Amino acid sequence: MREEYDFSKGKRGIHSRDVKEFQIPVYLDPQLEEYFKNIAKKKNQDLSSLINTILKKEMELHNSLI
């Protein structure tokens, strides 16, 4: 490594992205994943959309009980 590095021509933040764009990965148990993949396939829908729909309905149900 060098003693010193010259960052005078560097640009801040060019390799970072906005946190709003970051999506948190969600990992399902293999049994759940297989079950919901089969449902998504039958509905001609991708797995992510199906899981989001299920979670939105669950959130509505939860909010109605509060």
C-alpha atoms as a PDB file:
ATOM      1  CA  MET A   1       0.000   0.000   0.000  1.00  0.00           C
ATOM      2  CA  ARG A   2       1.086   3.554  -0.592  1.00  0.00           C
ATOM      3  CA  GLU A   3       1.832   6.014   2.163  1.00  0.00           C
ATOM      4  CA  GLU A   4      -0.782   8.447   0.783  1.00  0.00           C
ATOM      5  CA  TYR A   5      -3.490   8.381  -1.875  1.00  0.00           C
ATOM      6  CA  ASP A   6      -4.671  11.364  -3.920  1.00  0.00           C
ATOM      7  CA  PHE A   7      -8.462  11.679  -3.845  1.00  0.00           C
ATOM      8  CA  SER A   8      -8.544  15.284  -5.082  1.00  0.00           C
ATOM      9  CA  LYS A   9     -10.179  14.233  -8.395  1.00  0.00           C
ATOM     10  CA  GLY A  10     -12.485  11.677  -6.791  1.00  0.00           C
ATOM     11  CA  LYS A  11     -16.268  11.910  -6.984  1.00  0.00           C
ATOM     12  CA  ARG A  12     -18.261  11.151  -3.863  1.00  0.00           C
ATOM     13  CA  GLY A  13     -21.080   8.621  -4.013  1.00  0.00           C
ATOM     14  CA  ILE A  14     -20.678   7.341  -7.584  1.00  0.00           C
ATOM     15  CA  HIS A  15     -20.672   3.707  -6.423  1.00  0.00           C
ATOM     16  CA  SER A  16     -23.536   3.975  -3.946  1.00  0.00           C
ATOM     17  CA  ARG A  17     -27.256   3.857  -4.564  1.00  0.00           C
ATOM     18  CA  ASP A  18     -30.254   5.353  -2.842  1.00  0.00           C
ATOM     19  CA  VAL A  19     -31.556   3.327   0.084  1.00  0.00           C
ATOM     20  CA  LYS A  20     -35.076   3.592  -1.384  1.00  0.00           C
ATOM     21  CA  GLU A  21     -33.958   1.296  -4.228  1.00  0.00           C
ATOM     22  CA  PHE A  22     -32.675  -1.411  -1.889  1.00  0.00           C
ATOM     23  CA  GLN A  23     -34.932  -4.449  -1.570  1.00  0.00           C
ATOM     24  CA  ILE A  24     -34.602  -6.726   1.403  1.00  0.00           C
ATOM     25  CA  PRO A  25     -34.326 -10.376   0.375  1.00  0.00           C
ATOM     26  CA  VAL A  26     -36.873 -12.618   2.022  1.00  0.00           C
ATOM     27  CA  TYR A  27     -36.108 -16.320   2.266  1.00  0.00           C
ATOM     28  CA  LEU A  28     -38.947 -18.802   2.585  1.00  0.00           C
ATOM     29  CA  ASP A  29     -38.713 -22.249   4.109  1.00  0.00           C
ATOM     30  CA  PRO A  30     -38.261 -24.762   1.270  1.00  0.00           C
ATOM     31  CA  GLN A  31     -41.671 -26.304   1.982  1.00  0.00           C
ATOM     32  CA  LEU A  32     -43.423 -22.909   1.836  1.00  0.00           C
ATOM     33  CA  GLU A  33     -41.510 -21.884  -1.257  1.00  0.00           C
ATOM     34  CA  GLU A  34     -42.530 -25.038  -3.127  1.00  0.00           C
ATOM     35  CA  TYR A  35     -46.166 -24.660  -2.037  1.00  0.00           C
ATOM     36  CA  PHE A  36     -46.445 -21.030  -3.139  1.00  0.00           C
ATOM     37  CA  LYS A  37     -44.450 -21.635  -6.347  1.00  0.00           C
ATOM     38  CA  ASN A  38     -47.057 -24.199  -7.367  1.00  0.00           C
ATOM     39  CA  ILE A  39     -49.890 -21.754  -6.661  1.00  0.00           C
ATOM     40  CA  ALA A  40     -48.100 -18.966  -8.555  1.00  0.00           C
ATOM     41  CA  LYS A  41     -47.558 -21.268 -11.522  1.00  0.00           C
ATOM     42  CA  LYS A  42     -51.256 -22.240 -11.599  1.00  0.00           C
ATOM     43  CA  LYS A  43     -52.236 -18.543 -11.460  1.00  0.00           C
ATOM     44  CA  ASN A  44     -49.615 -17.646 -14.105  1.00  0.00           C
ATOM     45  CA  GLN A  45     -48.091 -15.170 -11.650  1.00  0.00           C
ATOM     46  CA  ASP A  46     -44.559 -14.718 -10.375  1.00  0.00           C
ATOM     47  CA  LEU A  47     -43.805 -15.827  -6.823  1.00  0.00           C
ATOM     48  CA  SER A  48     -42.924 -12.348  -5.565  1.00  0.00           C
ATOM     49  CA  SER A  49     -46.262 -10.871  -6.692  1.00  0.00           C
ATOM     50  CA  LEU A  50     -48.199 -13.720  -5.122  1.00  0.00           C
ATOM     51  CA  ILE A  51     -46.386 -13.378  -1.785  1.00  0.00           C
ATOM     52  CA  ASN A  52     -46.915  -9.596  -1.824  1.00  0.00           C
ATOM     53  CA  THR A  53     -50.647 -10.091  -2.441  1.00  0.00           C
ATOM     54  CA  ILE A  54     -50.898 -12.570   0.436  1.00  0.00           C
ATOM     55  CA  LEU A  55     -48.984 -10.271   2.790  1.00  0.00           C
ATOM     56  CA  LYS A  56     -51.126  -7.254   1.843  1.00  0.00           C
ATOM     57  CA  LYS A  57     -54.290  -9.234   2.633  1.00  0.00           C
ATOM     58  CA  GLU A  58     -52.751 -10.347   5.918  1.00  0.00           C
ATOM     59  CA  MET A  59     -51.915  -6.713   6.744  1.00  0.00           C
ATOM     60  CA  GLU A  60     -55.512  -5.661   5.979  1.00  0.00           C
ATOM     61  CA  LEU A  61     -56.830  -8.426   8.233  1.00  0.00           C
ATOM     62  CA  HIS A  62     -54.440  -7.474  11.013  1.00  0.00           C
ATOM     63  CA  ASN A  63     -55.391  -3.783  10.742  1.00  0.00           C
ATOM     64  CA  SER A  64     -59.099  -4.619  10.887  1.00  0.00           C
ATOM     65  CA  LEU A  65     -58.560  -6.385  14.220  1.00  0.00           C
ATOM     66  CA  ILE A  66     -56.739  -3.503  15.850  1.00  0.00           C
END
